[in-house]
Amino acid sequence: MAKDNPPAAMPAAAPVAKFLDTRFRSRVIVFPNGDVLRVLSGEAIARSAAQIEYLDAHPDFKRVEERG
């Protein structure tokens, strides 16, 4: 008799948010844990909850709302 195996759970998607840097067109932000976030052409893509939290609190960054 074959066993019904439930489908493997998909891993939770990592948080991603796009920000505009209102002060610099390019810069590098180094986090205490060693993560590096690059601002290129005035845009930064945060790929962790810690990066998103930092940029949300920073006055130089404005979050870009994705349209769906």
PDB file of N, CA and C in Angstrom:
ATOM      1  N   MET A   1       0.848  -1.173   0.000  1.00  0.00           N
ATOM      2  CA  MET A   1       0.000   0.000   0.000  1.00  0.00           C
ATOM      3  C   MET A   1       0.896   1.239   0.000  1.00  0.00           C
ATOM      4  N   ALA A   2       0.629   2.145  -0.887  1.00  0.00           N
ATOM      5  CA  ALA A   2       1.427   3.368  -1.017  1.00  0.00           C
ATOM      6  C   ALA A   2       0.997   4.377   0.034  1.00  0.00           C
ATOM      7  N   LYS A   3       1.979   5.048   0.569  1.00  0.00           N
ATOM      8  CA  LYS A   3       1.687   6.098   1.549  1.00  0.00           C
ATOM      9  C   LYS A   3       1.503   7.417   0.815  1.00  0.00           C
ATOM     10  N   ASP A   4       0.524   8.154   1.253  1.00  0.00           N
ATOM     11  CA  ASP A   4       0.328   9.495   0.698  1.00  0.00           C
ATOM     12  C   ASP A   4       1.231  10.452   1.453  1.00  0.00           C
ATOM     13  N   ASN A   5       2.200  10.984   0.745  1.00  0.00           N
ATOM     14  CA  ASN A   5       3.099  11.958   1.350  1.00  0.00           C
ATOM     15  C   ASN A   5       2.587  13.356   1.056  1.00  0.00           C
ATOM     16  N   PRO A   6       2.416  14.158   2.111  1.00  0.00           N
ATOM     17  CA  PRO A   6       1.982  15.537   1.849  1.00  0.00           C
ATOM     18  C   PRO A   6       3.081  16.281   1.109  1.00  0.00           C
ATOM     19  N   PRO A   7       2.706  17.235   0.273  1.00  0.00           N
ATOM     20  CA  PRO A   7       3.733  18.003  -0.448  1.00  0.00           C
ATOM     21  C   PRO A   7       4.619  18.749   0.542  1.00  0.00           C
ATOM     22  N   ALA A   8       5.878  18.857   0.181  1.00  0.00           N
ATOM     23  CA  ALA A   8       6.825  19.574   1.041  1.00  0.00           C
ATOM     24  C   ALA A   8       6.418  21.039   1.132  1.00  0.00           C
ATOM     25  N   ALA A   9       6.512  21.557   2.316  1.00  0.00           N
ATOM     26  CA  ALA A   9       6.157  22.966   2.518  1.00  0.00           C
ATOM     27  C   ALA A   9       7.185  23.848   1.829  1.00  0.00           C
ATOM     28  N   MET A  10       6.689  24.865   1.174  1.00  0.00           N
ATOM     29  CA  MET A  10       7.575  25.830   0.532  1.00  0.00           C
ATOM     30  C   MET A  10       8.218  26.678   1.625  1.00  0.00           C
ATOM     31  N   PRO A  11       9.509  26.946   1.506  1.00  0.00           N
ATOM     32  CA  PRO A  11      10.128  27.823   2.502  1.00  0.00           C
ATOM     33  C   PRO A  11       9.528  29.221   2.414  1.00  0.00           C
ATOM     34  N   ALA A  12       9.443  29.857   3.559  1.00  0.00           N
ATOM     35  CA  ALA A  12       8.887  31.215   3.586  1.00  0.00           C
ATOM     36  C   ALA A  12       9.768  32.141   2.758  1.00  0.00           C
ATOM     37  N   ALA A  13       9.121  32.976   1.975  1.00  0.00           N
ATOM     38  CA  ALA A  13       9.869  33.917   1.140  1.00  0.00           C
ATOM     39  C   ALA A  13      10.547  34.957   2.028  1.00  0.00           C
ATOM     40  N   ALA A  14      11.778  35.244   1.699  1.00  0.00           N
ATOM     41  CA  ALA A  14      12.508  36.265   2.451  1.00  0.00           C
ATOM     42  C   ALA A  14      11.893  37.627   2.152  1.00  0.00           C
ATOM     43  N   PRO A  15      11.840  38.487   3.148  1.00  0.00           N
ATOM     44  CA  PRO A  15      11.276  39.816   2.896  1.00  0.00           C
ATOM     45  C   PRO A  15      12.166  40.610   1.942  1.00  0.00           C
ATOM     46  N   VAL A  16      11.530  41.334   1.045  1.00  0.00           N
ATOM     47  CA  VAL A  16      12.258  42.174   0.092  1.00  0.00           C
ATOM     48  C   VAL A  16      11.503  43.497  -0.018  1.00  0.00           C
ATOM     49  N   ALA A  17      12.235  44.596   0.029  1.00  0.00           N
ATOM     50  CA  ALA A  17      11.620  45.912  -0.125  1.00  0.00           C
ATOM     51  C   ALA A  17      12.588  46.827  -0.861  1.00  0.00           C
ATOM     52  N   LYS A  18      12.020  47.666  -1.716  1.00  0.00           N
ATOM     53  CA  LYS A  18      12.819  48.613  -2.492  1.00  0.00           C
ATOM     54  C   LYS A  18      12.707  49.989  -1.845  1.00  0.00           C
ATOM     55  N   PHE A  19      13.851  50.681  -1.770  1.00  0.00           N
ATOM     56  CA  PHE A  19      13.914  52.010  -1.169  1.00  0.00           C
ATOM     57  C   PHE A  19      14.614  52.978  -2.109  1.00  0.00           C
ATOM     58  N   LEU A  20      14.215  54.244  -2.036  1.00  0.00           N
ATOM     59  CA  LEU A  20      14.914  55.316  -2.734  1.00  0.00           C
ATOM     60  C   LEU A  20      15.764  56.060  -1.717  1.00  0.00           C
ATOM     61  N   ASP A  21      17.007  56.307  -2.073  1.00  0.00           N
ATOM     62  CA  ASP A  21      17.912  57.085  -1.235  1.00  0.00           C
ATOM     63  C   ASP A  21      17.748  58.538  -1.661  1.00  0.00           C
ATOM     64  N   THR A  22      17.255  59.373  -0.767  1.00  0.00           N
ATOM     65  CA  THR A  22      16.975  60.771  -1.105  1.00  0.00           C
ATOM     66  C   THR A  22      18.195  61.671  -0.950  1.00  0.00           C
ATOM     67  N   ARG A  23      19.308  61.102  -0.493  1.00  0.00           N
ATOM     68  CA  ARG A  23      20.498  61.923  -0.266  1.00  0.00           C
ATOM     69  C   ARG A  23      21.658  61.576  -1.187  1.00  0.00           C
ATOM     70  N   PHE A  24      21.877  60.297  -1.446  1.00  0.00           N
ATOM     71  CA  PHE A  24      23.021  59.863  -2.251  1.00  0.00           C
ATOM     72  C   PHE A  24      22.563  59.002  -3.419  1.00  0.00           C
ATOM     73  N   ARG A  25      23.290  59.080  -4.527  1.00  0.00           N
ATOM     74  CA  ARG A  25      23.030  58.219  -5.694  1.00  0.00           C
ATOM     75  C   ARG A  25      23.715  56.870  -5.536  1.00  0.00           C
ATOM     76  N   SER A  26      24.814  56.856  -4.785  1.00  0.00           N
ATOM     77  CA  SER A  26      25.497  55.589  -4.511  1.00  0.00           C
ATOM     78  C   SER A  26      26.176  55.672  -3.150  1.00  0.00           C
ATOM     79  N   ARG A  27      26.105  54.584  -2.435  1.00  0.00           N
ATOM     80  CA  ARG A  27      26.797  54.423  -1.156  1.00  0.00           C
ATOM     81  C   ARG A  27      26.677  52.969  -0.740  1.00  0.00           C
ATOM     82  N   VAL A  28      27.443  52.609   0.268  1.00  0.00           N
ATOM     83  CA  VAL A  28      27.422  51.252   0.803  1.00  0.00           C
ATOM     84  C   VAL A  28      27.137  51.341   2.292  1.00  0.00           C
ATOM     85  N   ILE A  29      26.187  50.553   2.751  1.00  0.00           N
ATOM     86  CA  ILE A  29      25.867  50.489   4.174  1.00  0.00           C
ATOM     87  C   ILE A  29      26.299  49.115   4.668  1.00  0.00           C
ATOM     88  N   VAL A  30      27.131  49.090   5.706  1.00  0.00           N
ATOM     89  CA  VAL A  30      27.594  47.836   6.299  1.00  0.00           C
ATOM     90  C   VAL A  30      26.908  47.680   7.654  1.00  0.00           C
ATOM     91  N   PHE A  31      26.203  46.574   7.822  1.00  0.00           N
ATOM     92  CA  PHE A  31      25.480  46.297   9.057  1.00  0.00           C
ATOM     93  C   PHE A  31      26.391  45.604  10.066  1.00  0.00           C
ATOM     94  N   PRO A  32      26.054  45.667  11.355  1.00  0.00           N
ATOM     95  CA  PRO A  32      26.899  45.041  12.380  1.00  0.00           C
ATOM     96  C   PRO A  32      27.148  43.545  12.156  1.00  0.00           C
ATOM     97  N   ASN A  33      26.193  42.853  11.520  1.00  0.00           N
ATOM     98  CA  ASN A  33      26.376  41.412  11.287  1.00  0.00           C
ATOM     99  C   ASN A  33      27.204  41.125  10.034  1.00  0.00           C
ATOM    100  N   GLY A  34      27.668  42.177   9.360  1.00  0.00           N
ATOM    101  CA  GLY A  34      28.500  42.002   8.175  1.00  0.00           C
ATOM    102  C   GLY A  34      27.750  42.102   6.861  1.00  0.00           C
ATOM    103  N   ASP A  35      26.421  42.156   6.905  1.00  0.00           N
ATOM    104  CA  ASP A  35      25.651  42.329   5.669  1.00  0.00           C
ATOM    105  C   ASP A  35      26.007  43.664   5.026  1.00  0.00           C
ATOM    106  N   VAL A  36      25.993  43.680   3.705  1.00  0.00           N
ATOM    107  CA  VAL A  36      26.304  44.886   2.944  1.00  0.00           C
ATOM    108  C   VAL A  36      25.103  45.223   2.073  1.00  0.00           C
ATOM    109  N   LEU A  37      24.711  46.475   2.089  1.00  0.00           N
ATOM    110  CA  LEU A  37      23.609  46.956   1.260  1.00  0.00           C
ATOM    111  C   LEU A  37      24.156  48.067   0.385  1.00  0.00           C
ATOM    112  N   ARG A  38      24.033  47.899  -0.920  1.00  0.00           N
ATOM    113  CA  ARG A  38      24.550  48.889  -1.867  1.00  0.00           C
ATOM    114  C   ARG A  38      23.410  49.744  -2.413  1.00  0.00           C
ATOM    115  N   VAL A  39      23.659  51.026  -2.478  1.00  0.00           N
ATOM    116  CA  VAL A  39      22.744  51.958  -3.133  1.00  0.00           C
ATOM    117  C   VAL A  39      23.339  52.231  -4.504  1.00  0.00           C
ATOM    118  N   LEU A  40      22.575  51.931  -5.540  1.00  0.00           N
ATOM    119  CA  LEU A  40      23.001  52.156  -6.919  1.00  0.00           C
ATOM    120  C   LEU A  40      21.923  52.955  -7.627  1.00  0.00           C
ATOM    121  N   SER A  41      22.311  54.013  -8.285  1.00  0.00           N
ATOM    122  CA  SER A  41      21.359  54.892  -8.982  1.00  0.00           C
ATOM    123  C   SER A  41      20.251  55.363  -8.049  1.00  0.00           C
ATOM    124  N   GLY A  42      20.598  55.564  -6.787  1.00  0.00           N
ATOM    125  CA  GLY A  42      19.630  56.072  -5.828  1.00  0.00           C
ATOM    126  C   GLY A  42      18.644  55.052  -5.316  1.00  0.00           C
ATOM    127  N   GLU A  43      18.857  53.774  -5.611  1.00  0.00           N
ATOM    128  CA  GLU A  43      17.938  52.719  -5.181  1.00  0.00           C
ATOM    129  C   GLU A  43      18.676  51.658  -4.374  1.00  0.00           C
ATOM    130  N   ALA A  44      17.971  51.115  -3.382  1.00  0.00           N
ATOM    131  CA  ALA A  44      18.514  50.031  -2.568  1.00  0.00           C
ATOM    132  C   ALA A  44      17.444  48.960  -2.427  1.00  0.00           C
ATOM    133  N   ILE A  45      17.858  47.706  -2.485  1.00  0.00           N
ATOM    134  CA  ILE A  45      16.950  46.584  -2.292  1.00  0.00           C
ATOM    135  C   ILE A  45      17.314  45.923  -0.969  1.00  0.00           C
ATOM    136  N   ALA A  46      16.433  46.039   0.013  1.00  0.00           N
ATOM    137  CA  ALA A  46      16.642  45.407   1.317  1.00  0.00           C
ATOM    138  C   ALA A  46      16.129  43.976   1.234  1.00  0.00           C
ATOM    139  N   ARG A  47      16.946  43.021   1.673  1.00  0.00           N
ATOM    140  CA  ARG A  47      16.605  41.609   1.542  1.00  0.00           C
ATOM    141  C   ARG A  47      16.513  40.868   2.871  1.00  0.00           C
ATOM    142  N   SER A  48      16.441  41.611   3.956  1.00  0.00           N
ATOM    143  CA  SER A  48      16.243  40.974   5.259  1.00  0.00           C
ATOM    144  C   SER A  48      15.391  41.901   6.119  1.00  0.00           C
ATOM    145  N   ALA A  49      14.785  41.319   7.133  1.00  0.00           N
ATOM    146  CA  ALA A  49      13.944  42.112   8.029  1.00  0.00           C
ATOM    147  C   ALA A  49      14.761  43.204   8.722  1.00  0.00           C
ATOM    148  N   ALA A  50      16.008  42.896   9.076  1.00  0.00           N
ATOM    149  CA  ALA A  50      16.858  43.887   9.750  1.00  0.00           C
ATOM    150  C   ALA A  50      17.167  45.066   8.829  1.00  0.00           C
ATOM    151  N   GLN A  51      17.447  44.784   7.554  1.00  0.00           N
ATOM    152  CA  GLN A  51      17.723  45.855   6.601  1.00  0.00           C
ATOM    153  C   GLN A  51      16.484  46.714   6.384  1.00  0.00           C
ATOM    154  N   ILE A  52      15.334  46.081   6.245  1.00  0.00           N
ATOM    155  CA  ILE A  52      14.082  46.819   6.041  1.00  0.00           C
ATOM    156  C   ILE A  52      13.786  47.705   7.245  1.00  0.00           C
ATOM    157  N   GLU A  53      13.950  47.160   8.439  1.00  0.00           N
ATOM    158  CA  GLU A  53      13.704  47.933   9.657  1.00  0.00           C
ATOM    159  C   GLU A  53      14.633  49.146   9.732  1.00  0.00           C
ATOM    160  N   TYR A  54      15.902  48.944   9.400  1.00  0.00           N
ATOM    161  CA  TYR A  54      16.878  50.037   9.434  1.00  0.00           C
ATOM    162  C   TYR A  54      16.506  51.131   8.435  1.00  0.00           C
ATOM    163  N   LEU A  55      16.206  50.739   7.196  1.00  0.00           N
ATOM    164  CA  LEU A  55      15.910  51.736   6.166  1.00  0.00           C
ATOM    165  C   LEU A  55      14.586  52.443   6.431  1.00  0.00           C
ATOM    166  N   ASP A  56      13.599  51.725   6.976  1.00  0.00           N
ATOM    167  CA  ASP A  56      12.330  52.372   7.334  1.00  0.00           C
ATOM    168  C   ASP A  56      12.545  53.474   8.370  1.00  0.00           C
ATOM    169  N   ALA A  57      13.504  53.272   9.276  1.00  0.00           N
ATOM    170  CA  ALA A  57      13.751  54.240  10.346  1.00  0.00           C
ATOM    171  C   ALA A  57      14.711  55.355   9.934  1.00  0.00           C
ATOM    172  N   HIS A  58      15.408  55.186   8.812  1.00  0.00           N
ATOM    173  CA  HIS A  58      16.429  56.152   8.388  1.00  0.00           C
ATOM    174  C   HIS A  58      15.771  57.281   7.591  1.00  0.00           C
ATOM    175  N   PRO A  59      16.041  58.538   7.940  1.00  0.00           N
ATOM    176  CA  PRO A  59      15.372  59.657   7.257  1.00  0.00           C
ATOM    177  C   PRO A  59      15.765  59.829   5.788  1.00  0.00           C
ATOM    178  N   ASP A  60      16.891  59.268   5.355  1.00  0.00           N
ATOM    179  CA  ASP A  60      17.331  59.421   3.962  1.00  0.00           C
ATOM    180  C   ASP A  60      16.644  58.452   3.004  1.00  0.00           C
ATOM    181  N   PHE A  61      15.916  57.477   3.526  1.00  0.00           N
ATOM    182  CA  PHE A  61      15.336  56.441   2.667  1.00  0.00           C
ATOM    183  C   PHE A  61      13.816  56.485   2.696  1.00  0.00           C
ATOM    184  N   LYS A  62      13.241  56.316   1.516  1.00  0.00           N
ATOM    185  CA  LYS A  62      11.785  56.248   1.363  1.00  0.00           C
ATOM    186  C   LYS A  62      11.444  54.929   0.686  1.00  0.00           C
ATOM    187  N   ARG A  63      10.546  54.175   1.306  1.00  0.00           N
ATOM    188  CA  ARG A  63      10.161  52.887   0.739  1.00  0.00           C
ATOM    189  C   ARG A  63       9.306  53.088  -0.506  1.00  0.00           C
ATOM    190  N   VAL A  64       9.581  52.289  -1.533  1.00  0.00           N
ATOM    191  CA  VAL A  64       8.809  52.316  -2.772  1.00  0.00           C
ATOM    192  C   VAL A  64       7.776  51.207  -2.675  1.00  0.00           C
ATOM    193  N   GLU A  65       6.516  51.574  -2.751  1.00  0.00           N
ATOM    194  CA  GLU A  65       5.448  50.577  -2.702  1.00  0.00           C
ATOM    195  C   GLU A  65       5.334  49.901  -4.059  1.00  0.00           C
ATOM    196  N   GLU A  66       5.400  48.581  -4.042  1.00  0.00           N
ATOM    197  CA  GLU A  66       5.271  47.813  -5.285  1.00  0.00           C
ATOM    198  C   GLU A  66       3.808  47.767  -5.693  1.00  0.00           C
ATOM    199  N   ARG A  67       3.572  47.971  -6.951  1.00  0.00           N
ATOM    200  CA  ARG A  67       2.200  47.901  -7.478  1.00  0.00           C
ATOM    201  C   ARG A  67       1.956  46.503  -7.998  1.00  0.00           C
ATOM    202  N   GLY A  68       0.830  45.944  -7.641  1.00  0.00           N
ATOM    203  CA  GLY A  68       0.563  44.571  -8.039  1.00  0.00           C
ATOM    204  C   GLY A  68      -0.591  44.420  -8.856  1.00  0.00           C
TER     205      GLY A  68
END
